[in-house]
Protein backbone atom coordinates (compact mmCIF):
# COMPACT_ATOMS: atom_id res chain seq x y z
CA MET A 1 27.43 38.32 22.63
CA ARG A 2 23.93 38.32 24.18
CA ARG A 3 22.28 39.07 20.79
CA THR A 4 22.91 35.62 19.29
CA PRO A 5 20.97 33.59 21.93
CA LEU A 6 18.18 36.17 21.88
CA LEU A 7 17.87 36.01 18.07
CA GLY A 8 17.94 32.21 18.17
CA THR A 9 15.19 32.13 20.79
CA LEU A 10 13.05 34.57 18.79
CA LEU A 11 13.54 32.48 15.65
CA ILE A 12 12.45 29.29 17.46
CA VAL A 13 9.35 31.02 18.87
CA ALA A 14 8.45 32.42 15.41
CA VAL A 15 8.76 28.97 13.79
CA ALA A 16 6.65 27.39 16.55
CA VAL A 17 3.90 30.03 16.14
CA ALA A 18 3.91 29.63 12.35
CA ALA A 19 3.66 25.84 12.68
CA PHE A 20 0.77 26.15 15.13
CA VAL A 21 -1.13 28.57 12.85
CA TRP A 22 -0.55 26.30 9.84
CA TRP A 23 -1.70 23.24 11.82
CA ARG A 24 -4.85 25.01 13.08
CA GLN A 25 -5.99 26.19 9.62
CA ASP A 26 -6.66 22.58 8.54
CA ARG A 27 -8.95 21.97 11.54
CA PRO A 28 -12.74 22.43 11.16
CA ALA A 29 -14.53 25.05 13.24
CA SER A 30 -15.87 23.63 16.52
CA ASP A 31 -19.26 25.42 16.32
CA GLY A 32 -20.97 22.80 14.14
CA PRO A 33 -21.05 19.08 13.42
CA VAL A 34 -18.04 17.67 11.63
CA THR A 35 -18.70 15.84 8.38
CA SER A 36 -16.12 14.28 6.14
CA PRO A 37 -16.34 14.50 2.34
CA ALA A 38 -16.91 10.73 2.26
CA ALA A 39 -19.89 11.09 4.61
CA ALA A 40 -21.51 13.78 2.48
CA THR A 41 -24.60 12.81 0.51
CA PRO A 42 -23.65 11.77 -3.03
CA ALA A 43 -25.14 13.48 -6.05
CA ALA A 44 -28.31 11.98 -7.46
CA GLY A 45 -27.68 8.83 -9.47
CA GLN A 46 -24.18 8.26 -8.05
CA PRO A 47 -23.33 5.46 -5.61
CA PRO A 48 -21.87 6.56 -2.26
CA ALA A 49 -18.07 6.76 -2.16
CA ASP A 50 -16.33 3.92 -0.30
CA PRO A 51 -13.73 5.57 1.97
CA GLN A 52 -11.82 2.33 2.59
CA PRO A 53 -11.02 -0.23 -0.10
CA THR A 54 -12.74 -3.48 0.73
CA PRO A 55 -10.60 -6.59 0.89
CA ARG A 56 -11.38 -9.32 -1.58
CA THR A 57 -11.51 -12.70 0.03
CA ALA A 58 -12.15 -14.49 -3.25
CA THR A 59 -9.82 -14.19 -6.17
CA VAL A 60 -10.91 -12.31 -9.27
CA PRO A 61 -10.09 -13.85 -12.66
CA VAL A 62 -6.91 -12.63 -14.32
CA PRO A 63 -6.87 -11.21 -17.84
CA GLU A 64 -5.26 -13.47 -20.43
CA PRO A 65 -1.48 -13.04 -20.05
CA ALA A 66 0.54 -11.85 -23.04
CA ARG A 67 3.01 -14.35 -24.51
CA GLU A 68 5.20 -11.65 -26.08
CA PRO A 69 7.05 -8.93 -24.13
CA VAL A 70 4.87 -5.88 -23.48
CA ASP A 71 6.57 -2.63 -22.47
CA GLY A 72 6.00 -1.95 -18.75
CA TYR A 73 4.41 -5.33 -17.96
CA ILE A 74 5.64 -7.81 -15.31
CA ALA A 75 7.76 -10.53 -16.91
CA PHE A 76 7.07 -13.85 -15.18
CA PRO A 77 9.51 -16.81 -15.32
CA ASP A 78 7.15 -18.90 -17.49
CA GLY A 79 7.38 -16.35 -20.34
CA THR A 80 4.03 -14.67 -19.66
CA PHE A 81 3.48 -10.94 -19.16
CA LEU A 82 0.81 -9.25 -17.04
CA PRO A 83 0.15 -5.57 -16.33
CA PRO A 84 1.57 -4.09 -13.13
CA LEU A 85 -0.82 -3.50 -10.23
CA ASN A 86 -1.60 -0.66 -7.81
CA GLY A 87 -0.95 2.33 -10.05
CA VAL A 88 2.50 1.26 -11.26
CA GLU A 89 3.10 2.19 -14.90
CA ARG A 90 6.39 0.35 -15.52
CA ALA A 91 6.83 -2.85 -13.57
CA PRO A 92 10.11 -3.53 -11.77
CA ARG A 93 11.66 -6.97 -11.96
CA ILE A 94 10.03 -9.47 -9.61
CA VAL A 95 12.29 -12.25 -8.38
CA PHE A 96 10.98 -15.71 -7.48
CA HIS A 97 13.30 -18.03 -5.54
CA PRO A 98 13.22 -21.63 -6.88
CA ARG A 99 13.07 -23.21 -3.40
CA LEU A 100 11.85 -20.56 -0.97
CA VAL A 101 9.20 -18.82 -3.10
CA PRO A 102 8.77 -20.82 -6.32
CA PHE A 103 6.88 -19.48 -9.32
CA ALA A 104 3.56 -20.98 -10.41
CA LYS A 105 0.93 -19.86 -12.92
CA VAL A 106 -1.14 -16.79 -11.98
CA VAL A 107 -4.76 -17.79 -11.31
CA GLY A 108 -6.37 -14.67 -9.86
CA ILE A 109 -6.14 -11.25 -8.25
CA GLU A 110 -6.81 -10.61 -4.57
CA ARG A 111 -6.98 -7.38 -2.53
CA ASP A 112 -5.51 -7.28 0.98
CA ALA A 113 -6.85 -5.33 3.98
CA GLN A 114 -4.67 -2.32 3.07
CA GLY A 115 -6.22 -2.10 -0.40
CA ARG A 116 -3.22 -3.49 -2.30
CA ASP A 117 -3.95 -5.88 -5.18
CA TRP A 118 -1.89 -9.09 -5.50
CA TYR A 119 -1.58 -11.69 -8.24
CA VAL A 120 -2.42 -15.09 -6.71
CA HIS A 121 -0.45 -18.06 -8.03
CA GLU A 122 -1.49 -21.76 -8.13
CA ASN A 123 0.83 -22.63 -5.23
CA GLY A 124 -0.53 -19.87 -2.95
CA VAL A 125 2.34 -17.45 -3.57
CA ARG A 126 1.31 -13.83 -4.12
CA SER A 127 3.13 -11.20 -6.17
CA THR A 128 2.47 -7.50 -6.65
CA THR A 129 3.82 -4.15 -7.70
CA TYR A 130 3.20 -0.90 -5.84
CA LEU A 131 4.59 2.61 -5.40
CA ASP A 132 6.52 3.26 -2.20
CA ALA A 133 6.38 6.55 -0.26
CA THR A 134 8.94 8.13 -2.61
CA GLY A 135 7.02 7.10 -5.74
CA LYS A 136 9.45 4.34 -6.70
CA ALA A 137 7.94 1.18 -8.24
CA ILE A 138 8.51 -1.87 -6.01
CA GLY A 139 7.92 -5.55 -6.80
CA ASP A 140 7.12 -7.94 -3.96
CA VAL A 141 6.57 -11.69 -3.62
CA MET A 142 5.01 -13.30 -0.55
CA LYS A 143 4.54 -16.91 0.38
CA PRO A 144 1.81 -17.45 2.96
CA ALA A 145 3.02 -19.22 6.08
CA GLU A 146 1.17 -20.81 8.96
CA PRO A 147 1.67 -19.04 12.29
CA LYS A 148 4.23 -20.76 14.47
CA PRO A 149 3.79 -21.24 18.22
CA MET A 150 5.67 -18.82 20.45
CA VAL A 151 8.38 -20.20 22.70
CA ASP A 152 8.31 -18.81 26.23
CA ASP A 153 11.42 -16.99 27.33
CA VAL A 154 11.00 -18.17 30.90
CA PRO A 155 10.89 -21.89 31.65
CA GLY A 156 7.52 -22.81 33.14
CA GLY A 157 5.54 -20.39 30.96
CA ARG A 158 5.49 -17.31 33.16
């Protein structure tokens, strides 16, 4: 009966050692300066690589929307069709709520701080498509809102 706990302990130790060795092999050697591929000098005639996507504060013009259904495109409530964004090949259905997040004509494209592109609508609503962590295409709609003041939990503001 003493063999089972001993084998279990040895198995746990072996897995821990294997995980440590695997984790260490991705680390650079500590005997020299560390440089990332993005920090390396680009080849002659090539612009340096931008490691982080830069947010767009101004909207970029949108291509002319299609008036007929196009396979894989986003179908908007006004009968127009635009290509999906952020690497999505077949757009999921995007739902606009008539009162909470109403649809308006798309007027531009904007990139957020995370590098995700959004269609910007006339009324300030933004819509997008993207791939989640599992690779599933997701459609999202967001209505910008002004920040609301916080209410203190304790009377007197402490």
